[in-house]
Amino acid sequence: MKLLKEKIVAEGKVLSDEILKVDAFLNHQLDPVLMKEIGAEFARRFADEKITKVLTIESSGIAPALMAALELGVPLIFARKRKSLTLRQNVYETKVFSFTKQEINTITISRDYLSFDDRVLIIDDFLANGQAAEGLIDLVKQAGAKVVGLGIVIEKSFQQGGQKLRESGIRIESLAEIGSLRNGEVTFLP
């Protein structure tokens, strides 16, 4: 996706060989025009999948997932990282390790919003080692629903997550695939 790649080059900051900071447009401050285009692109790529729900994890996945859900005309569910007084019972839950935060979170979604007849598109901002995606897939499986695919805004292809998920049979559509962050420079895969 050309617009996204241009944003990454212009506004992204390479912090190390493994960390790309994109908080200027994706996960702190949001570029609404870019989010709209991202949602439309995911909807286009998964148009044939008869999706009934879009699922993401709070918080950085919410904006692109909401735009995809809007384009697809289906509800968005986001897995919560923090327990609330209203979400303690009747939930699906699993543990997820966050690469960027270096911590384990228990994520939950209400059983009221995901059922066995759902066809779920999972959307997330980054795919690195795949733990967030695996956690979301686990929640969908707990509900007996079907994962139709994984929409990723930015995939760090030099990390293992994408390869491992693809080998398990998950369809992944990444809008920008990064091959390297070495020497402070973003290198995209063709």
N, C-alpha and C. Protein backbone atom coordinates (compact mmCIF):
# COMPACT_ATOMS: atom_id res chain seq x y z
N MET A 1 0.84 -1.18 0.00
CA MET A 1 0.00 0.00 0.00
C MET A 1 0.89 1.24 0.00
N LYS A 2 0.87 1.93 -1.09
CA LYS A 2 1.81 3.03 -1.33
C LYS A 2 1.70 4.14 -0.28
N LEU A 3 0.49 4.60 0.03
CA LEU A 3 0.31 5.69 0.99
C LEU A 3 0.89 5.33 2.36
N LEU A 4 0.66 4.11 2.80
CA LEU A 4 1.20 3.65 4.09
C LEU A 4 2.72 3.63 4.07
N LYS A 5 3.31 3.10 3.02
CA LYS A 5 4.77 3.05 2.94
C LYS A 5 5.37 4.45 2.93
N GLU A 6 4.73 5.36 2.24
CA GLU A 6 5.21 6.74 2.22
C GLU A 6 5.18 7.34 3.63
N LYS A 7 4.12 7.07 4.38
CA LYS A 7 4.00 7.56 5.76
C LYS A 7 5.09 6.97 6.64
N ILE A 8 5.34 5.68 6.48
CA ILE A 8 6.38 5.02 7.28
C ILE A 8 7.73 5.68 7.04
N VAL A 9 8.06 5.91 5.78
CA VAL A 9 9.34 6.52 5.44
C VAL A 9 9.42 7.96 5.94
N ALA A 10 8.34 8.72 5.75
CA ALA A 10 8.36 10.14 6.10
C ALA A 10 8.26 10.40 7.61
N GLU A 11 7.45 9.59 8.31
CA GLU A 11 7.14 9.90 9.70
C GLU A 11 7.53 8.82 10.70
N GLY A 12 7.87 7.64 10.22
CA GLY A 12 8.29 6.57 11.12
C GLY A 12 9.70 6.82 11.65
N LYS A 13 9.97 6.28 12.82
CA LYS A 13 11.30 6.43 13.42
C LYS A 13 11.83 5.05 13.78
N VAL A 14 12.98 4.71 13.22
CA VAL A 14 13.62 3.44 13.53
C VAL A 14 14.38 3.63 14.84
N LEU A 15 13.95 2.91 15.89
CA LEU A 15 14.58 3.04 17.20
C LEU A 15 15.68 2.01 17.42
N SER A 16 15.58 0.89 16.71
CA SER A 16 16.60 -0.16 16.80
C SER A 16 16.41 -1.08 15.59
N ASP A 17 17.19 -2.14 15.52
CA ASP A 17 17.05 -3.10 14.43
C ASP A 17 15.73 -3.87 14.51
N GLU A 18 14.99 -3.74 15.62
CA GLU A 18 13.72 -4.46 15.79
C GLU A 18 12.52 -3.56 16.03
N ILE A 19 12.72 -2.28 16.34
CA ILE A 19 11.61 -1.41 16.75
C ILE A 19 11.44 -0.25 15.77
N LEU A 20 10.21 -0.13 15.26
CA LEU A 20 9.81 0.98 14.40
C LEU A 20 8.71 1.75 15.13
N LYS A 21 8.92 3.02 15.35
CA LYS A 21 7.96 3.87 16.03
C LYS A 21 7.11 4.59 14.99
N VAL A 22 5.80 4.37 15.04
CA VAL A 22 4.88 4.98 14.08
C VAL A 22 3.75 5.71 14.80
N ASP A 23 4.08 6.27 15.95
CA ASP A 23 3.03 6.90 16.75
C ASP A 23 2.55 8.24 16.17
N ALA A 24 3.22 8.76 15.14
CA ALA A 24 2.78 10.00 14.52
C ALA A 24 1.52 9.81 13.67
N PHE A 25 1.22 8.55 13.28
CA PHE A 25 0.06 8.34 12.41
C PHE A 25 -0.73 7.06 12.68
N LEU A 26 -0.21 6.15 13.52
CA LEU A 26 -0.89 4.86 13.69
C LEU A 26 -1.22 4.50 15.13
N ASN A 27 -0.32 4.67 16.06
CA ASN A 27 -0.65 4.17 17.39
C ASN A 27 -0.46 5.15 18.53
N HIS A 28 -0.59 6.42 18.25
CA HIS A 28 -0.73 7.44 19.30
C HIS A 28 -1.57 8.57 18.72
N GLN A 29 -1.00 9.26 17.75
CA GLN A 29 -1.78 10.19 16.93
C GLN A 29 -2.21 9.41 15.70
N LEU A 30 -3.45 9.64 15.26
CA LEU A 30 -3.97 8.89 14.11
C LEU A 30 -4.18 9.80 12.92
N ASP A 31 -3.85 9.28 11.76
CA ASP A 31 -4.14 9.95 10.49
C ASP A 31 -5.46 9.36 9.98
N PRO A 32 -6.57 10.10 10.10
CA PRO A 32 -7.87 9.53 9.73
C PRO A 32 -7.99 9.18 8.26
N VAL A 33 -7.35 9.95 7.39
CA VAL A 33 -7.40 9.64 5.96
C VAL A 33 -6.69 8.32 5.69
N LEU A 34 -5.53 8.14 6.31
CA LEU A 34 -4.80 6.89 6.16
C LEU A 34 -5.61 5.72 6.74
N MET A 35 -6.23 5.91 7.91
CA MET A 35 -7.03 4.84 8.53
C MET A 35 -8.18 4.44 7.61
N LYS A 36 -8.82 5.43 6.98
CA LYS A 36 -9.92 5.14 6.06
C LYS A 36 -9.42 4.30 4.88
N GLU A 37 -8.26 4.67 4.34
CA GLU A 37 -7.69 3.92 3.21
C GLU A 37 -7.29 2.50 3.63
N ILE A 38 -6.74 2.37 4.83
CA ILE A 38 -6.37 1.05 5.35
C ILE A 38 -7.61 0.18 5.49
N GLY A 39 -8.68 0.73 6.06
CA GLY A 39 -9.92 -0.03 6.19
C GLY A 39 -10.47 -0.48 4.86
N ALA A 40 -10.45 0.42 3.88
CA ALA A 40 -10.94 0.08 2.54
C ALA A 40 -10.09 -1.01 1.90
N GLU A 41 -8.78 -0.95 2.11
CA GLU A 41 -7.89 -1.96 1.52
C GLU A 41 -8.12 -3.34 2.14
N PHE A 42 -8.27 -3.39 3.47
CA PHE A 42 -8.57 -4.69 4.10
C PHE A 42 -9.91 -5.23 3.61
N ALA A 43 -10.92 -4.36 3.51
CA ALA A 43 -12.24 -4.79 3.03
C ALA A 43 -12.13 -5.33 1.61
N ARG A 44 -11.35 -4.68 0.78
CA ARG A 44 -11.16 -5.15 -0.60
C ARG A 44 -10.48 -6.51 -0.64
N ARG A 45 -9.42 -6.67 0.16
CA ARG A 45 -8.65 -7.92 0.13
C ARG A 45 -9.43 -9.11 0.69
N PHE A 46 -10.36 -8.85 1.62
CA PHE A 46 -11.11 -9.94 2.24
C PHE A 46 -12.58 -9.95 1.83
N ALA A 47 -12.91 -9.29 0.73
CA ALA A 47 -14.31 -9.12 0.31
C ALA A 47 -15.05 -10.45 0.09
N ASP A 48 -14.34 -11.49 -0.30
CA ASP A 48 -14.98 -12.77 -0.63
C ASP A 48 -15.15 -13.69 0.57
N GLU A 49 -14.86 -13.25 1.77
CA GLU A 49 -14.81 -14.15 2.94
C GLU A 49 -16.09 -14.20 3.79
N LYS A 50 -17.12 -13.45 3.44
CA LYS A 50 -18.39 -13.46 4.19
C LYS A 50 -18.15 -13.22 5.69
N ILE A 51 -17.38 -12.19 5.99
CA ILE A 51 -17.00 -11.85 7.36
C ILE A 51 -18.22 -11.37 8.13
N THR A 52 -18.34 -11.84 9.39
CA THR A 52 -19.43 -11.39 10.26
C THR A 52 -18.94 -10.52 11.41
N LYS A 53 -17.64 -10.60 11.74
CA LYS A 53 -17.06 -9.79 12.82
C LYS A 53 -15.61 -9.48 12.49
N VAL A 54 -15.17 -8.31 12.96
CA VAL A 54 -13.75 -7.96 12.93
C VAL A 54 -13.30 -7.96 14.38
N LEU A 55 -12.11 -8.51 14.63
CA LEU A 55 -11.58 -8.61 15.99
C LEU A 55 -10.18 -8.02 16.03
N THR A 56 -9.89 -7.27 17.09
CA THR A 56 -8.55 -6.74 17.31
C THR A 56 -8.28 -6.74 18.81
N ILE A 57 -7.10 -6.25 19.16
CA ILE A 57 -6.71 -6.15 20.56
C ILE A 57 -6.53 -4.66 20.87
N GLU A 58 -6.93 -4.24 22.07
CA GLU A 58 -6.74 -2.81 22.39
C GLU A 58 -5.27 -2.52 22.56
N SER A 59 -4.79 -1.40 22.23
CA SER A 59 -5.54 -0.26 21.75
C SER A 59 -5.13 0.13 20.32
N SER A 60 -3.93 -0.15 19.92
CA SER A 60 -3.45 0.34 18.61
C SER A 60 -4.12 -0.31 17.41
N GLY A 61 -4.73 -1.45 17.58
CA GLY A 61 -5.41 -2.09 16.46
C GLY A 61 -6.82 -1.56 16.23
N ILE A 62 -7.34 -0.79 17.18
CA ILE A 62 -8.75 -0.38 17.10
C ILE A 62 -9.03 0.49 15.87
N ALA A 63 -8.22 1.49 15.62
CA ALA A 63 -8.51 2.41 14.50
C ALA A 63 -8.56 1.70 13.15
N PRO A 64 -7.52 0.94 12.76
CA PRO A 64 -7.63 0.27 11.46
C PRO A 64 -8.72 -0.80 11.43
N ALA A 65 -8.93 -1.47 12.56
CA ALA A 65 -9.98 -2.49 12.62
C ALA A 65 -11.36 -1.87 12.49
N LEU A 66 -11.58 -0.73 13.13
CA LEU A 66 -12.87 -0.05 13.04
C LEU A 66 -13.16 0.38 11.60
N MET A 67 -12.14 0.90 10.93
CA MET A 67 -12.34 1.32 9.54
C MET A 67 -12.64 0.12 8.63
N ALA A 68 -11.98 -1.02 8.90
CA ALA A 68 -12.27 -2.22 8.12
C ALA A 68 -13.69 -2.71 8.40
N ALA A 69 -14.09 -2.70 9.67
CA ALA A 69 -15.45 -3.13 10.04
C ALA A 69 -16.49 -2.22 9.39
N LEU A 70 -16.22 -0.92 9.39
CA LEU A 70 -17.13 0.03 8.75
C LEU A 70 -17.29 -0.29 7.27
N GLU A 71 -16.16 -0.50 6.59
CA GLU A 71 -16.20 -0.82 5.16
C GLU A 71 -16.91 -2.14 4.88
N LEU A 72 -16.74 -3.11 5.79
CA LEU A 72 -17.36 -4.43 5.61
C LEU A 72 -18.80 -4.46 6.09
N GLY A 73 -19.20 -3.47 6.88
CA GLY A 73 -20.57 -3.42 7.39
C GLY A 73 -20.84 -4.43 8.49
N VAL A 74 -19.82 -4.69 9.32
CA VAL A 74 -19.95 -5.68 10.40
C VAL A 74 -19.47 -5.06 11.72
N PRO A 75 -19.84 -5.67 12.86
CA PRO A 75 -19.36 -5.15 14.14
C PRO A 75 -17.86 -5.40 14.35
N LEU A 76 -17.28 -4.54 15.18
CA LEU A 76 -15.90 -4.69 15.63
C LEU A 76 -15.93 -5.10 17.10
N ILE A 77 -15.13 -6.09 17.44
CA ILE A 77 -14.90 -6.49 18.83
C ILE A 77 -13.44 -6.22 19.12
N PHE A 78 -13.15 -5.65 20.28
CA PHE A 78 -11.74 -5.57 20.66
C PHE A 78 -11.52 -6.28 21.97
N ALA A 79 -10.46 -7.11 21.98
CA ALA A 79 -10.08 -7.83 23.19
C ALA A 79 -9.50 -6.82 24.17
N ARG A 80 -9.97 -6.90 25.40
CA ARG A 80 -9.53 -5.95 26.42
C ARG A 80 -8.36 -6.51 27.19
N LYS A 81 -7.42 -5.63 27.50
CA LYS A 81 -6.25 -6.01 28.29
C LYS A 81 -6.48 -5.79 29.77
N ARG A 82 -7.38 -4.90 30.11
CA ARG A 82 -7.65 -4.59 31.51
C ARG A 82 -9.01 -5.11 31.90
N LYS A 83 -9.07 -5.75 33.04
CA LYS A 83 -10.35 -6.22 33.56
C LYS A 83 -11.18 -5.03 34.01
N SER A 84 -12.45 -5.08 33.76
CA SER A 84 -13.35 -4.05 34.26
C SER A 84 -14.42 -4.74 35.11
N LEU A 85 -15.13 -3.96 35.87
CA LEU A 85 -16.19 -4.51 36.72
C LEU A 85 -17.29 -5.14 35.89
N THR A 86 -17.44 -4.70 34.64
CA THR A 86 -18.51 -5.22 33.79
C THR A 86 -18.07 -6.37 32.90
N LEU A 87 -16.80 -6.75 32.95
CA LEU A 87 -16.30 -7.83 32.09
C LEU A 87 -15.45 -8.79 32.92
N ARG A 88 -16.11 -9.52 33.81
CA ARG A 88 -15.40 -10.47 34.66
C ARG A 88 -15.92 -11.90 34.50
N GLN A 89 -17.15 -12.04 34.09
CA GLN A 89 -17.74 -13.36 33.93
C GLN A 89 -18.20 -13.54 32.49
N ASN A 90 -18.41 -14.79 32.12
CA ASN A 90 -18.91 -15.11 30.79
C ASN A 90 -17.99 -14.54 29.71
N VAL A 91 -16.69 -14.81 29.84
CA VAL A 91 -15.70 -14.29 28.90
C VAL A 91 -14.83 -15.42 28.35
N TYR A 92 -14.28 -15.16 27.19
CA TYR A 92 -13.17 -15.95 26.68
C TYR A 92 -11.92 -15.19 27.08
N GLU A 93 -10.88 -15.90 27.51
CA GLU A 93 -9.64 -15.20 27.86
C GLU A 93 -8.43 -16.05 27.54
N THR A 94 -7.32 -15.34 27.32
CA THR A 94 -6.05 -15.99 27.04
C THR A 94 -4.93 -15.02 27.41
N LYS A 95 -3.73 -15.53 27.47
CA LYS A 95 -2.57 -14.69 27.81
C LYS A 95 -1.77 -14.37 26.56
N VAL A 96 -1.26 -13.13 26.50
CA VAL A 96 -0.51 -12.66 25.34
C VAL A 96 0.72 -11.91 25.82
N PHE A 97 1.86 -12.24 25.22
CA PHE A 97 3.10 -11.52 25.51
C PHE A 97 3.24 -10.36 24.54
N SER A 98 3.46 -9.15 25.04
CA SER A 98 3.66 -7.97 24.21
C SER A 98 5.16 -7.77 23.97
N PHE A 99 5.56 -7.82 22.70
CA PHE A 99 6.97 -7.65 22.35
C PHE A 99 7.45 -6.24 22.69
N THR A 100 6.63 -5.23 22.35
CA THR A 100 7.09 -3.85 22.58
C THR A 100 7.06 -3.45 24.05
N LYS A 101 6.09 -3.98 24.78
CA LYS A 101 6.02 -3.61 26.20
C LYS A 101 6.75 -4.60 27.11
N GLN A 102 7.14 -5.74 26.54
CA GLN A 102 7.85 -6.78 27.29
C GLN A 102 7.08 -7.19 28.55
N GLU A 103 5.77 -7.49 28.36
CA GLU A 103 4.94 -7.93 29.47
C GLU A 103 3.87 -8.89 28.97
N ILE A 104 3.32 -9.65 29.90
CA ILE A 104 2.24 -10.58 29.58
C ILE A 104 0.93 -9.95 30.03
N ASN A 105 -0.05 -9.97 29.13
CA ASN A 105 -1.39 -9.47 29.43
C ASN A 105 -2.40 -10.60 29.28
N THR A 106 -3.41 -10.60 30.14
CA THR A 106 -4.55 -11.47 29.95
C THR A 106 -5.58 -10.68 29.17
N ILE A 107 -5.96 -11.18 28.00
CA ILE A 107 -6.94 -10.47 27.17
C ILE A 107 -8.27 -11.22 27.23
N THR A 108 -9.35 -10.45 27.18
CA THR A 108 -10.69 -11.04 27.30
C THR A 108 -11.65 -10.42 26.31
N ILE A 109 -12.64 -11.22 25.92
CA ILE A 109 -13.80 -10.71 25.19
C ILE A 109 -15.03 -11.41 25.75
N SER A 110 -16.14 -10.71 25.72
CA SER A 110 -17.39 -11.27 26.22
C SER A 110 -17.87 -12.38 25.30
N ARG A 111 -18.39 -13.43 25.91
CA ARG A 111 -18.98 -14.53 25.12
C ARG A 111 -20.24 -14.08 24.38
N ASP A 112 -20.80 -12.94 24.80
CA ASP A 112 -22.01 -12.42 24.15
C ASP A 112 -21.76 -11.96 22.73
N TYR A 113 -20.52 -11.67 22.37
CA TYR A 113 -20.25 -11.03 21.08
C TYR A 113 -19.52 -11.91 20.07
N LEU A 114 -19.22 -13.15 20.43
CA LEU A 114 -18.53 -14.05 19.51
C LEU A 114 -19.11 -15.44 19.67
N SER A 115 -19.58 -16.03 18.56
CA SER A 115 -20.20 -17.35 18.65
C SER A 115 -19.72 -18.25 17.53
N PHE A 116 -20.13 -19.51 17.60
CA PHE A 116 -19.63 -20.54 16.69
C PHE A 116 -19.92 -20.25 15.22
N ASP A 117 -20.96 -19.46 14.92
CA ASP A 117 -21.30 -19.22 13.52
C ASP A 117 -20.61 -17.97 12.94
N ASP A 118 -19.74 -17.34 13.72
CA ASP A 118 -19.05 -16.16 13.23
C ASP A 118 -17.87 -16.51 12.33
N ARG A 119 -17.66 -15.63 11.33
CA ARG A 119 -16.50 -15.69 10.44
C ARG A 119 -15.71 -14.41 10.72
N VAL A 120 -14.53 -14.58 11.32
CA VAL A 120 -13.83 -13.47 11.95
C VAL A 120 -12.57 -13.07 11.19
N LEU A 121 -12.48 -11.76 10.91
CA LEU A 121 -11.26 -11.17 10.37
C LEU A 121 -10.53 -10.51 11.53
N ILE A 122 -9.30 -10.91 11.78
CA ILE A 122 -8.48 -10.31 12.83
C ILE A 122 -7.62 -9.23 12.19
N ILE A 123 -7.63 -8.05 12.80
CA ILE A 123 -6.82 -6.91 12.31
C ILE A 123 -5.89 -6.47 13.43
N ASP A 124 -4.64 -6.18 13.11
CA ASP A 124 -3.73 -5.61 14.11
C ASP A 124 -2.76 -4.65 13.44
N ASP A 125 -2.17 -3.78 14.26
CA ASP A 125 -1.27 -2.76 13.71
C ASP A 125 0.06 -3.37 13.29
N PHE A 126 0.62 -4.26 14.11
CA PHE A 126 1.92 -4.87 13.80
C PHE A 126 1.84 -6.39 13.90
N LEU A 127 2.67 -7.05 13.12
CA LEU A 127 2.94 -8.48 13.29
C LEU A 127 4.45 -8.62 13.38
N ALA A 128 4.92 -9.08 14.54
CA ALA A 128 6.35 -9.28 14.76
C ALA A 128 6.58 -10.75 15.07
N ASN A 129 6.45 -11.12 16.32
CA ASN A 129 6.63 -12.51 16.71
C ASN A 129 5.33 -13.30 16.73
N GLY A 130 4.20 -12.63 16.61
CA GLY A 130 2.92 -13.31 16.42
C GLY A 130 2.13 -13.62 17.67
N GLN A 131 2.60 -13.22 18.84
CA GLN A 131 1.89 -13.59 20.06
C GLN A 131 0.50 -12.96 20.15
N ALA A 132 0.35 -11.70 19.78
CA ALA A 132 -0.98 -11.07 19.82
C ALA A 132 -1.93 -11.79 18.87
N ALA A 133 -1.47 -12.08 17.67
CA ALA A 133 -2.30 -12.79 16.69
C ALA A 133 -2.67 -14.17 17.21
N GLU A 134 -1.71 -14.89 17.78
CA GLU A 134 -2.01 -16.22 18.33
C GLU A 134 -3.05 -16.14 19.45
N GLY A 135 -2.95 -15.11 20.30
CA GLY A 135 -3.93 -14.92 21.37
C GLY A 135 -5.32 -14.67 20.82
N LEU A 136 -5.41 -13.81 19.81
CA LEU A 136 -6.71 -13.52 19.21
C LEU A 136 -7.28 -14.75 18.50
N ILE A 137 -6.44 -15.49 17.83
CA ILE A 137 -6.88 -16.75 17.19
C ILE A 137 -7.41 -17.71 18.25
N ASP A 138 -6.72 -17.79 19.38
CA ASP A 138 -7.17 -18.66 20.48
C ASP A 138 -8.56 -18.26 20.96
N LEU A 139 -8.83 -16.97 21.11
CA LEU A 139 -10.15 -16.51 21.54
C LEU A 139 -11.23 -16.93 20.54
N VAL A 140 -10.94 -16.79 19.25
CA VAL A 140 -11.90 -17.18 18.21
C VAL A 140 -12.16 -18.69 18.28
N LYS A 141 -11.09 -19.47 18.46
CA LYS A 141 -11.25 -20.93 18.56
C LYS A 141 -12.04 -21.32 19.79
N GLN A 142 -11.83 -20.62 20.92
CA GLN A 142 -12.61 -20.91 22.13
C GLN A 142 -14.11 -20.75 21.86
N ALA A 143 -14.47 -19.80 21.00
CA ALA A 143 -15.87 -19.56 20.67
C ALA A 143 -16.39 -20.56 19.64
N GLY A 144 -15.49 -21.34 19.05
CA GLY A 144 -15.89 -22.27 17.99
C GLY A 144 -16.11 -21.57 16.66
N ALA A 145 -15.69 -20.31 16.55
CA ALA A 145 -15.86 -19.54 15.33
C ALA A 145 -14.70 -19.82 14.37
N LYS A 146 -14.76 -19.23 13.19
CA LYS A 146 -13.73 -19.45 12.17
C LYS A 146 -12.94 -18.17 11.93
N VAL A 147 -11.61 -18.29 11.95
CA VAL A 147 -10.73 -17.19 11.56
C VAL A 147 -10.61 -17.25 10.04
N VAL A 148 -11.05 -16.19 9.34
CA VAL A 148 -10.95 -16.18 7.88
C VAL A 148 -9.64 -15.57 7.42
N GLY A 149 -8.99 -14.83 8.30
CA GLY A 149 -7.71 -14.25 7.92
C GLY A 149 -7.24 -13.23 8.94
N LEU A 150 -6.04 -12.76 8.67
CA LEU A 150 -5.37 -11.81 9.54
C LEU A 150 -4.94 -10.64 8.68
N GLY A 151 -5.44 -9.44 9.00
CA GLY A 151 -5.06 -8.22 8.30
C GLY A 151 -4.07 -7.45 9.15
N ILE A 152 -2.89 -7.24 8.62
CA ILE A 152 -1.81 -6.59 9.37
C ILE A 152 -1.44 -5.29 8.68
N VAL A 153 -1.37 -4.20 9.44
CA VAL A 153 -0.97 -2.93 8.86
C VAL A 153 0.51 -2.98 8.50
N ILE A 154 1.38 -3.33 9.49
CA ILE A 154 2.82 -3.39 9.25
C ILE A 154 3.36 -4.73 9.75
N GLU A 155 3.93 -5.50 8.87
CA GLU A 155 4.55 -6.78 9.25
C GLU A 155 6.06 -6.62 9.25
N LYS A 156 6.67 -6.99 10.36
CA LYS A 156 8.13 -7.05 10.41
C LYS A 156 8.52 -8.47 9.99
N SER A 157 8.72 -8.63 8.69
CA SER A 157 8.94 -9.96 8.10
C SER A 157 10.24 -10.61 8.55
N PHE A 158 11.15 -9.82 9.11
CA PHE A 158 12.41 -10.38 9.59
C PHE A 158 12.23 -11.05 10.95
N GLN A 159 11.07 -10.96 11.54
CA GLN A 159 10.76 -11.69 12.77
C GLN A 159 9.88 -12.88 12.42
N GLN A 160 9.74 -13.83 13.33
CA GLN A 160 9.20 -15.15 13.01
C GLN A 160 7.68 -15.26 12.90
N GLY A 161 6.92 -14.28 13.40
CA GLY A 161 5.47 -14.42 13.53
C GLY A 161 4.73 -14.74 12.26
N GLY A 162 4.98 -13.97 11.21
CA GLY A 162 4.26 -14.19 9.96
C GLY A 162 4.50 -15.56 9.36
N GLN A 163 5.75 -15.98 9.34
CA GLN A 163 6.09 -17.29 8.78
C GLN A 163 5.40 -18.41 9.56
N LYS A 164 5.46 -18.32 10.88
CA LYS A 164 4.87 -19.35 11.74
C LYS A 164 3.35 -19.43 11.53
N LEU A 165 2.68 -18.28 11.46
CA LEU A 165 1.23 -18.27 11.27
C LEU A 165 0.85 -18.76 9.88
N ARG A 166 1.61 -18.37 8.87
CA ARG A 166 1.32 -18.85 7.51
C ARG A 166 1.49 -20.37 7.43
N GLU A 167 2.53 -20.89 8.09
CA GLU A 167 2.75 -22.34 8.08
C GLU A 167 1.61 -23.08 8.77
N SER A 168 0.91 -22.41 9.70
CA SER A 168 -0.23 -23.05 10.37
C SER A 168 -1.51 -22.94 9.55
N GLY A 169 -1.43 -22.30 8.38
CA GLY A 169 -2.58 -22.23 7.48
C GLY A 169 -3.38 -20.94 7.56
N ILE A 170 -2.91 -19.97 8.31
CA ILE A 170 -3.63 -18.70 8.43
C ILE A 170 -3.33 -17.82 7.22
N ARG A 171 -4.37 -17.28 6.61
CA ARG A 171 -4.21 -16.31 5.52
C ARG A 171 -3.83 -14.97 6.14
N ILE A 172 -2.73 -14.38 5.68
CA ILE A 172 -2.27 -13.09 6.18
C ILE A 172 -2.16 -12.12 5.02
N GLU A 173 -2.77 -10.96 5.20
CA GLU A 173 -2.64 -9.86 4.24
C GLU A 173 -1.98 -8.71 4.98
N SER A 174 -0.74 -8.40 4.65
CA SER A 174 0.00 -7.30 5.27
C SER A 174 0.10 -6.15 4.28
N LEU A 175 -0.20 -4.95 4.76
CA LEU A 175 -0.20 -3.78 3.87
C LEU A 175 1.19 -3.22 3.63
N ALA A 176 2.10 -3.41 4.59
CA ALA A 176 3.50 -3.02 4.42
C ALA A 176 4.35 -4.10 5.08
N GLU A 177 5.22 -4.72 4.29
CA GLU A 177 6.10 -5.76 4.82
C GLU A 177 7.52 -5.23 4.89
N ILE A 178 8.04 -5.17 6.10
CA ILE A 178 9.38 -4.64 6.31
C ILE A 178 10.37 -5.79 6.37
N GLY A 179 11.38 -5.72 5.53
CA GLY A 179 12.41 -6.75 5.48
C GLY A 179 13.54 -6.49 6.45
N SER A 180 13.77 -5.20 6.79
CA SER A 180 14.88 -4.86 7.67
C SER A 180 14.70 -3.45 8.23
N LEU A 181 15.25 -3.27 9.43
CA LEU A 181 15.35 -1.95 10.05
C LEU A 181 16.81 -1.63 10.37
N ARG A 182 17.72 -2.36 9.75
CA ARG A 182 19.15 -2.18 10.03
C ARG A 182 19.65 -0.80 9.63
N ASN A 183 20.63 -0.34 10.40
CA ASN A 183 21.29 0.95 10.15
C ASN A 183 20.31 2.12 10.14
N GLY A 184 19.21 1.96 10.90
CA GLY A 184 18.25 3.06 11.01
C GLY A 184 17.41 3.30 9.78
N GLU A 185 17.40 2.33 8.86
CA GLU A 185 16.69 2.50 7.59
C GLU A 185 15.63 1.44 7.41
N VAL A 186 14.45 1.84 6.96
CA VAL A 186 13.36 0.92 6.67
C VAL A 186 13.55 0.36 5.26
N THR A 187 13.61 -0.97 5.16
CA THR A 187 13.68 -1.63 3.87
C THR A 187 12.43 -2.49 3.72
N PHE A 188 11.64 -2.23 2.70
CA PHE A 188 10.40 -2.98 2.45
C PHE A 188 10.69 -4.20 1.60
N LEU A 189 9.90 -5.25 1.78
CA LEU A 189 9.94 -6.38 0.86
C LEU A 189 9.17 -5.99 -0.37
N PRO A 190 9.52 -6.56 -1.53
CA PRO A 190 8.80 -6.20 -2.77
C PRO A 190 7.35 -6.65 -2.74
